[in-house]
Amino acid sequence: MSESEIYQNFISWLGKTWWGLPESDQLMPLIKVRYTIEDAAYSTGIPFSGSDLEELAELKGRDPVDLKPCF
């Protein structure tokens, strides 16, 4: 998947939130500045409702230990 597709999927996913996102020529550049490609790819599809660590790990195919806070 190309970088543009990853960011477009992320924007589409963000658009499903209760606040939505307005159509704008500045939206893609703003998202690219604010989120790394890794952040956008990883965040896309995470449920908007509460989920526990095990559910998120399963959804993203990761070990729950990898997702725990590191502070």
C-alpha atoms as a PDB file:
ATOM      1  CA  MET A   1       0.000   0.000   0.000  1.00  0.00           C
ATOM      2  CA  SER A   2       1.336   3.415  -0.911  1.00  0.00           C
ATOM      3  CA  GLU A   3       1.909   6.242   1.564  1.00  0.00           C
ATOM      4  CA  SER A   4      -0.971   8.205   0.044  1.00  0.00           C
ATOM      5  CA  GLU A   5      -3.315   5.220   0.422  1.00  0.00           C
ATOM      6  CA  ILE A   6      -2.318   4.746   4.063  1.00  0.00           C
ATOM      7  CA  TYR A   7      -2.985   8.399   4.830  1.00  0.00           C
ATOM      8  CA  GLN A   8      -6.250   8.367   2.866  1.00  0.00           C
ATOM      9  CA  ASN A   9      -7.431   5.296   4.814  1.00  0.00           C
ATOM     10  CA  PHE A  10      -6.482   7.065   8.039  1.00  0.00           C
ATOM     11  CA  ILE A  11      -8.436  10.171   7.040  1.00  0.00           C
ATOM     12  CA  SER A  12     -11.449   8.020   6.125  1.00  0.00           C
ATOM     13  CA  TRP A  13     -11.236   6.260   9.485  1.00  0.00           C
ATOM     14  CA  LEU A  14     -10.969   9.596  11.330  1.00  0.00           C
ATOM     15  CA  GLY A  15     -13.992  10.801   9.371  1.00  0.00           C
ATOM     16  CA  LYS A  16     -16.108   8.134  11.109  1.00  0.00           C
ATOM     17  CA  THR A  17     -15.700   9.825  14.484  1.00  0.00           C
ATOM     18  CA  TRP A  18     -18.504  11.852  16.040  1.00  0.00           C
ATOM     19  CA  TRP A  19     -16.831  15.131  15.022  1.00  0.00           C
ATOM     20  CA  GLY A  20     -16.044  14.124  11.418  1.00  0.00           C
ATOM     21  CA  LEU A  21     -13.534  15.870   9.192  1.00  0.00           C
ATOM     22  CA  PRO A  22     -14.325  18.633   6.715  1.00  0.00           C
ATOM     23  CA  GLU A  23     -13.266  18.235   3.106  1.00  0.00           C
ATOM     24  CA  SER A  24     -10.309  20.527   2.521  1.00  0.00           C
ATOM     25  CA  ASP A  25      -7.254  20.847   0.309  1.00  0.00           C
ATOM     26  CA  GLN A  26      -5.235  21.343   3.495  1.00  0.00           C
ATOM     27  CA  LEU A  27      -6.424  18.141   5.208  1.00  0.00           C
ATOM     28  CA  MET A  28      -3.882  15.707   3.728  1.00  0.00           C
ATOM     29  CA  PRO A  29      -0.872  18.005   4.307  1.00  0.00           C
ATOM     30  CA  LEU A  30      -2.050  18.667   7.862  1.00  0.00           C
ATOM     31  CA  ILE A  31      -2.431  14.955   8.606  1.00  0.00           C
ATOM     32  CA  LYS A  32       0.999  14.201   7.107  1.00  0.00           C
ATOM     33  CA  VAL A  33       2.633  16.804   9.324  1.00  0.00           C
ATOM     34  CA  ARG A  34       0.819  15.665  12.461  1.00  0.00           C
ATOM     35  CA  TYR A  35       1.077  11.858  12.054  1.00  0.00           C
ATOM     36  CA  THR A  36       3.923   9.658  10.882  1.00  0.00           C
ATOM     37  CA  ILE A  37       3.089   7.033   8.294  1.00  0.00           C
ATOM     38  CA  GLU A  38       3.558   4.403  11.013  1.00  0.00           C
ATOM     39  CA  ASP A  39       1.140   6.209  13.355  1.00  0.00           C
ATOM     40  CA  ALA A  40      -1.459   6.521  10.606  1.00  0.00           C
ATOM     41  CA  ALA A  41      -1.175   2.877   9.559  1.00  0.00           C
ATOM     42  CA  TYR A  42      -1.269   1.586  13.122  1.00  0.00           C
ATOM     43  CA  SER A  43      -4.112   3.823  14.324  1.00  0.00           C
ATOM     44  CA  THR A  44      -6.435   3.140  11.388  1.00  0.00           C
ATOM     45  CA  GLY A  45      -9.171   0.764  12.443  1.00  0.00           C
ATOM     46  CA  ILE A  46      -8.710   0.945  16.192  1.00  0.00           C
ATOM     47  CA  PRO A  47     -12.217   0.904  17.703  1.00  0.00           C
ATOM     48  CA  PHE A  48     -13.596   4.222  18.893  1.00  0.00           C
ATOM     49  CA  SER A  49     -15.215   2.505  21.862  1.00  0.00           C
ATOM     50  CA  GLY A  50     -13.258   1.176  24.809  1.00  0.00           C
ATOM     51  CA  SER A  51     -11.237  -1.989  24.258  1.00  0.00           C
ATOM     52  CA  ASP A  52      -8.882  -3.813  26.543  1.00  0.00           C
ATOM     53  CA  LEU A  53      -5.231  -4.379  25.748  1.00  0.00           C
ATOM     54  CA  GLU A  54      -5.729  -7.981  24.625  1.00  0.00           C
ATOM     55  CA  GLU A  55      -8.461  -6.987  22.153  1.00  0.00           C
ATOM     56  CA  LEU A  56      -6.279  -4.254  20.661  1.00  0.00           C
ATOM     57  CA  ALA A  57      -3.288  -6.589  20.434  1.00  0.00           C
ATOM     58  CA  GLU A  58      -5.387  -9.194  18.630  1.00  0.00           C
ATOM     59  CA  LEU A  59      -6.844  -6.579  16.274  1.00  0.00           C
ATOM     60  CA  LYS A  60      -3.371  -5.364  15.297  1.00  0.00           C
ATOM     61  CA  GLY A  61      -1.656  -8.780  15.391  1.00  0.00           C
ATOM     62  CA  ARG A  62       0.728  -7.719  18.148  1.00  0.00           C
ATOM     63  CA  ASP A  63       1.805  -9.082  21.511  1.00  0.00           C
ATOM     64  CA  PRO A  64       0.009  -7.246  24.358  1.00  0.00           C
ATOM     65  CA  VAL A  65       3.394  -6.648  26.013  1.00  0.00           C
ATOM     66  CA  ASP A  66       4.418  -4.528  22.999  1.00  0.00           C
ATOM     67  CA  LEU A  67       1.423  -2.247  23.539  1.00  0.00           C
ATOM     68  CA  LYS A  68       1.851  -1.458  27.221  1.00  0.00           C
ATOM     69  CA  PRO A  69       2.945   2.065  28.140  1.00  0.00           C
ATOM     70  CA  CYS A  70       6.693   2.392  28.415  1.00  0.00           C
ATOM     71  CA  PHE A  71       6.785   4.974  31.193  1.00  0.00           C
END
